[in-house]
């Protein structure tokens, strides 16, 4: 399985996310051998995850009160709205009624894929919920990233 590593949040990805203030940050990276646009990577990781993983994601997002974008909308990836997109970077956003706003950033280069997540706590409830979810989220996302990279190489 592809090795996914936690790294310090790259300043340029935090700047691209443009989420102020940011209360939580995580960043993961992996080495890739194929050049693919960032949006393609985002779709591989989220939309082509195993069905059980997609159901789990959508269930948690629904419980958090995230209103997902309609699936027929071109400006979304598995319901997350596209905030910014270029061939090498895509920024996605979801706002939860539970009191938090999250942005996912996928940055693709010829040799790496870096995924960053930034969260703003809009209410104290958001902080309490995310504090409990964050460790499992990192493990879950590492698996999704590794699986997407492994599947692309097959």
C-alpha atoms as a PDB file:
ATOM      1  CA  UNK A   1       0.000   0.000   0.000  1.00  0.00           C
ATOM      2  CA  UNK A   2       1.189   3.523  -0.792  1.00  0.00           C
ATOM      3  CA  UNK A   3       2.846   5.341   2.109  1.00  0.00           C
ATOM      4  CA  UNK A   4       0.864   8.418   3.191  1.00  0.00           C
ATOM      5  CA  UNK A   5       2.701  10.751   5.552  1.00  0.00           C
ATOM      6  CA  UNK A   6       1.504  13.543   7.833  1.00  0.00           C
ATOM      7  CA  UNK A   7       3.383  16.777   7.169  1.00  0.00           C
ATOM      8  CA  UNK A   8       3.420  20.350   8.397  1.00  0.00           C
ATOM      9  CA  UNK A   9       0.750  22.397   6.631  1.00  0.00           C
ATOM     10  CA  UNK A  10       2.349  24.041   3.563  1.00  0.00           C
ATOM     11  CA  UNK A  11       1.825  27.813   3.829  1.00  0.00           C
ATOM     12  CA  UNK A  12       0.752  28.085   0.194  1.00  0.00           C
ATOM     13  CA  UNK A  13      -2.054  25.549   0.713  1.00  0.00           C
ATOM     14  CA  UNK A  14      -3.253  27.349   3.806  1.00  0.00           C
ATOM     15  CA  UNK A  15      -3.249  30.590   1.806  1.00  0.00           C
ATOM     16  CA  UNK A  16      -5.216  28.947  -1.018  1.00  0.00           C
ATOM     17  CA  UNK A  17      -7.781  27.565   1.435  1.00  0.00           C
ATOM     18  CA  UNK A  18      -8.396  31.145   2.612  1.00  0.00           C
ATOM     19  CA  UNK A  19     -10.275  30.026   5.724  1.00  0.00           C
ATOM     20  CA  UNK A  20      -9.998  32.603   8.466  1.00  0.00           C
ATOM     21  CA  UNK A  21      -9.637  31.992  11.260  1.00  0.00           C
ATOM     22  CA  UNK A  22      -8.381  28.420  11.077  1.00  0.00           C
ATOM     23  CA  UNK A  23      -8.639  26.409  14.290  1.00  0.00           C
ATOM     24  CA  UNK A  24      -7.583  22.962  13.033  1.00  0.00           C
ATOM     25  CA  UNK A  25      -5.112  21.952  10.310  1.00  0.00           C
ATOM     26  CA  UNK A  26      -3.931  18.643   8.963  1.00  0.00           C
ATOM     27  CA  UNK A  27      -1.905  17.839   5.897  1.00  0.00           C
ATOM     28  CA  UNK A  28      -1.063  14.522   4.289  1.00  0.00           C
ATOM     29  CA  UNK A  29       1.197  13.759   1.350  1.00  0.00           C
ATOM     30  CA  UNK A  30       2.176  10.826  -0.810  1.00  0.00           C
ATOM     31  CA  UNK A  31       4.490  10.187  -3.721  1.00  0.00           C
ATOM     32  CA  UNK A  32       2.796   9.618  -7.071  1.00  0.00           C
ATOM     33  CA  UNK A  33       4.089   8.398 -10.401  1.00  0.00           C
ATOM     34  CA  UNK A  34       1.330   9.729 -12.654  1.00  0.00           C
ATOM     35  CA  UNK A  35       0.482  13.320 -13.380  1.00  0.00           C
ATOM     36  CA  UNK A  36      -3.228  13.893 -12.848  1.00  0.00           C
ATOM     37  CA  UNK A  37      -5.174  17.133 -12.314  1.00  0.00           C
ATOM     38  CA  UNK A  38      -6.031  17.945  -8.699  1.00  0.00           C
ATOM     39  CA  UNK A  39      -9.762  17.615  -9.373  1.00  0.00           C
ATOM     40  CA  UNK A  40      -9.203  14.116 -10.730  1.00  0.00           C
ATOM     41  CA  UNK A  41      -7.365  13.181  -7.516  1.00  0.00           C
ATOM     42  CA  UNK A  42     -10.179  14.655  -5.394  1.00  0.00           C
ATOM     43  CA  UNK A  43     -12.738  12.601  -7.310  1.00  0.00           C
ATOM     44  CA  UNK A  44     -10.625   9.435  -7.011  1.00  0.00           C
ATOM     45  CA  UNK A  45     -10.243   9.883  -3.263  1.00  0.00           C
ATOM     46  CA  UNK A  46     -13.838  10.835  -2.472  1.00  0.00           C
ATOM     47  CA  UNK A  47     -16.159   9.666  -5.259  1.00  0.00           C
ATOM     48  CA  UNK A  48     -14.355   6.436  -6.110  1.00  0.00           C
ATOM     49  CA  UNK A  49     -13.835   5.357  -2.528  1.00  0.00           C
ATOM     50  CA  UNK A  50     -15.416   1.997  -1.698  1.00  0.00           C
ATOM     51  CA  UNK A  51     -19.192   2.195  -1.358  1.00  0.00           C
ATOM     52  CA  UNK A  52     -19.037   1.531   2.389  1.00  0.00           C
ATOM     53  CA  UNK A  53     -16.593   4.443   2.833  1.00  0.00           C
ATOM     54  CA  UNK A  54     -18.776   6.787   0.763  1.00  0.00           C
ATOM     55  CA  UNK A  55     -21.862   5.822   2.767  1.00  0.00           C
ATOM     56  CA  UNK A  56     -19.921   6.395   5.980  1.00  0.00           C
ATOM     57  CA  UNK A  57     -18.730   9.847   4.817  1.00  0.00           C
ATOM     58  CA  UNK A  58     -22.172  10.975   3.681  1.00  0.00           C
ATOM     59  CA  UNK A  59     -23.763   9.674   6.897  1.00  0.00           C
ATOM     60  CA  UNK A  60     -21.330  11.611   9.109  1.00  0.00           C
ATOM     61  CA  UNK A  61     -21.682  14.743   6.975  1.00  0.00           C
ATOM     62  CA  UNK A  62     -25.474  14.497   7.199  1.00  0.00           C
ATOM     63  CA  UNK A  63     -25.311  14.070  10.993  1.00  0.00           C
ATOM     64  CA  UNK A  64     -23.117  17.182  11.177  1.00  0.00           C
ATOM     65  CA  UNK A  65     -25.768  19.073   9.237  1.00  0.00           C
ATOM     66  CA  UNK A  66     -23.756  19.565   6.052  1.00  0.00           C
ATOM     67  CA  UNK A  67     -25.995  20.426   3.131  1.00  0.00           C
ATOM     68  CA  UNK A  68     -24.238  18.740   0.238  1.00  0.00           C
ATOM     69  CA  UNK A  69     -24.308  20.218  -3.248  1.00  0.00           C
ATOM     70  CA  UNK A  70     -26.553  18.357  -5.703  1.00  0.00           C
ATOM     71  CA  UNK A  71     -24.723  15.474  -7.407  1.00  0.00           C
ATOM     72  CA  UNK A  72     -25.574  16.817 -10.876  1.00  0.00           C
ATOM     73  CA  UNK A  73     -23.812  20.104 -10.115  1.00  0.00           C
ATOM     74  CA  UNK A  74     -20.477  20.343 -11.932  1.00  0.00           C
ATOM     75  CA  UNK A  75     -19.020  22.561  -9.181  1.00  0.00           C
ATOM     76  CA  UNK A  76     -18.912  19.858  -6.505  1.00  0.00           C
ATOM     77  CA  UNK A  77     -17.027  16.707  -5.530  1.00  0.00           C
ATOM     78  CA  UNK A  78     -19.147  14.216  -3.573  1.00  0.00           C
ATOM     79  CA  UNK A  79     -21.306  17.132  -2.458  1.00  0.00           C
ATOM     80  CA  UNK A  80     -18.453  19.434  -1.360  1.00  0.00           C
ATOM     81  CA  UNK A  81     -18.675  22.758  -3.198  1.00  0.00           C
ATOM     82  CA  UNK A  82     -15.729  23.873  -5.305  1.00  0.00           C
ATOM     83  CA  UNK A  83     -14.318  27.170  -4.056  1.00  0.00           C
ATOM     84  CA  UNK A  84     -11.239  27.329  -6.299  1.00  0.00           C
ATOM     85  CA  UNK A  85      -9.904  25.116  -9.070  1.00  0.00           C
ATOM     86  CA  UNK A  86      -6.846  25.060 -11.321  1.00  0.00           C
ATOM     87  CA  UNK A  87      -5.180  22.032 -12.899  1.00  0.00           C
ATOM     88  CA  UNK A  88      -2.884  21.555  -9.890  1.00  0.00           C
ATOM     89  CA  UNK A  89      -5.124  22.723  -6.999  1.00  0.00           C
ATOM     90  CA  UNK A  90      -8.743  22.292  -6.017  1.00  0.00           C
ATOM     91  CA  UNK A  91     -10.298  23.742  -2.863  1.00  0.00           C
ATOM     92  CA  UNK A  92     -13.572  22.258  -1.636  1.00  0.00           C
ATOM     93  CA  UNK A  93     -15.823  23.548   1.146  1.00  0.00           C
ATOM     94  CA  UNK A  94     -18.526  22.201   3.422  1.00  0.00           C
ATOM     95  CA  UNK A  95     -20.394  24.117   6.134  1.00  0.00           C
ATOM     96  CA  UNK A  96     -21.973  22.177   8.962  1.00  0.00           C
ATOM     97  CA  UNK A  97     -24.998  23.284  10.946  1.00  0.00           C
ATOM     98  CA  UNK A  98     -23.199  21.693  13.918  1.00  0.00           C
ATOM     99  CA  UNK A  99     -20.933  24.737  13.964  1.00  0.00           C
ATOM    100  CA  UNK A 100     -17.939  24.295  11.723  1.00  0.00           C
ATOM    101  CA  UNK A 101     -16.689  25.110   8.250  1.00  0.00           C
ATOM    102  CA  UNK A 102     -14.163  22.824   6.536  1.00  0.00           C
ATOM    103  CA  UNK A 103     -12.048  23.238   3.442  1.00  0.00           C
ATOM    104  CA  UNK A 104     -10.221  20.435   1.661  1.00  0.00           C
ATOM    105  CA  UNK A 105      -7.295  21.286  -0.590  1.00  0.00           C
ATOM    106  CA  UNK A 106      -5.838  18.815  -3.079  1.00  0.00           C
ATOM    107  CA  UNK A 107      -2.511  19.896  -4.606  1.00  0.00           C
ATOM    108  CA  UNK A 108      -1.065  17.711  -7.362  1.00  0.00           C
ATOM    109  CA  UNK A 109       2.455  17.935  -8.778  1.00  0.00           C
ATOM    110  CA  UNK A 110       4.378  15.591 -11.062  1.00  0.00           C
ATOM    111  CA  UNK A 111       5.680  13.663  -8.038  1.00  0.00           C
ATOM    112  CA  UNK A 112       3.351  14.301  -5.077  1.00  0.00           C
ATOM    113  CA  UNK A 113      -0.243  14.636  -4.014  1.00  0.00           C
ATOM    114  CA  UNK A 114      -0.800  16.729  -0.916  1.00  0.00           C
ATOM    115  CA  UNK A 115      -4.163  16.952   0.769  1.00  0.00           C
ATOM    116  CA  UNK A 116      -4.834  19.562   3.416  1.00  0.00           C
ATOM    117  CA  UNK A 117      -7.859  20.035   5.628  1.00  0.00           C
ATOM    118  CA  UNK A 118      -8.577  23.237   7.471  1.00  0.00           C
ATOM    119  CA  UNK A 119     -11.456  23.679   9.904  1.00  0.00           C
ATOM    120  CA  UNK A 120     -12.946  26.790  11.455  1.00  0.00           C
ATOM    121  CA  UNK A 121     -15.092  26.393  14.542  1.00  0.00           C
ATOM    122  CA  UNK A 122     -18.089  28.650  14.027  1.00  0.00           C
ATOM    123  CA  UNK A 123     -19.616  27.684  17.381  1.00  0.00           C
ATOM    124  CA  UNK A 124     -18.344  25.877  20.513  1.00  0.00           C
ATOM    125  CA  UNK A 125     -20.346  22.810  19.476  1.00  0.00           C
ATOM    126  CA  UNK A 126     -18.243  22.539  16.313  1.00  0.00           C
ATOM    127  CA  UNK A 127     -15.031  22.473  18.364  1.00  0.00           C
ATOM    128  CA  UNK A 128     -16.348  19.754  20.707  1.00  0.00           C
ATOM    129  CA  UNK A 129     -17.512  17.569  17.833  1.00  0.00           C
ATOM    130  CA  UNK A 130     -14.375  17.987  15.716  1.00  0.00           C
ATOM    131  CA  UNK A 131     -12.055  17.279  18.667  1.00  0.00           C
ATOM    132  CA  UNK A 132     -13.655  13.834  18.892  1.00  0.00           C
ATOM    133  CA  UNK A 133     -13.737  13.194  15.135  1.00  0.00           C
ATOM    134  CA  UNK A 134     -10.252  14.422  14.133  1.00  0.00           C
ATOM    135  CA  UNK A 135      -8.085  11.380  15.078  1.00  0.00           C
ATOM    136  CA  UNK A 136     -10.370   8.954  13.248  1.00  0.00           C
ATOM    137  CA  UNK A 137     -10.649  11.346  10.324  1.00  0.00           C
ATOM    138  CA  UNK A 138      -6.862  11.385   9.814  1.00  0.00           C
ATOM    139  CA  UNK A 139      -6.695   7.563   9.824  1.00  0.00           C
ATOM    140  CA  UNK A 140      -9.681   7.305   7.482  1.00  0.00           C
ATOM    141  CA  UNK A 141      -8.284   9.867   5.044  1.00  0.00           C
ATOM    142  CA  UNK A 142      -4.837   8.210   4.986  1.00  0.00           C
ATOM    143  CA  UNK A 143      -6.527   4.990   3.885  1.00  0.00           C
ATOM    144  CA  UNK A 144      -8.591   6.782   1.212  1.00  0.00           C
ATOM    145  CA  UNK A 145      -5.516   8.536  -0.213  1.00  0.00           C
ATOM    146  CA  UNK A 146      -3.434   5.334  -0.277  1.00  0.00           C
ATOM    147  CA  UNK A 147      -6.263   3.379  -1.883  1.00  0.00           C
ATOM    148  CA  UNK A 148      -6.793   6.030  -4.582  1.00  0.00           C
ATOM    149  CA  UNK A 149      -3.083   6.053  -5.450  1.00  0.00           C
ATOM    150  CA  UNK A 150      -2.872   2.266  -5.490  1.00  0.00           C
ATOM    151  CA  UNK A 151      -5.954   1.965  -7.717  1.00  0.00           C
ATOM    152  CA  UNK A 152      -4.649   4.552 -10.172  1.00  0.00           C
ATOM    153  CA  UNK A 153      -1.435   2.567 -10.625  1.00  0.00           C
ATOM    154  CA  UNK A 154      -3.247  -0.670 -11.465  1.00  0.00           C
END
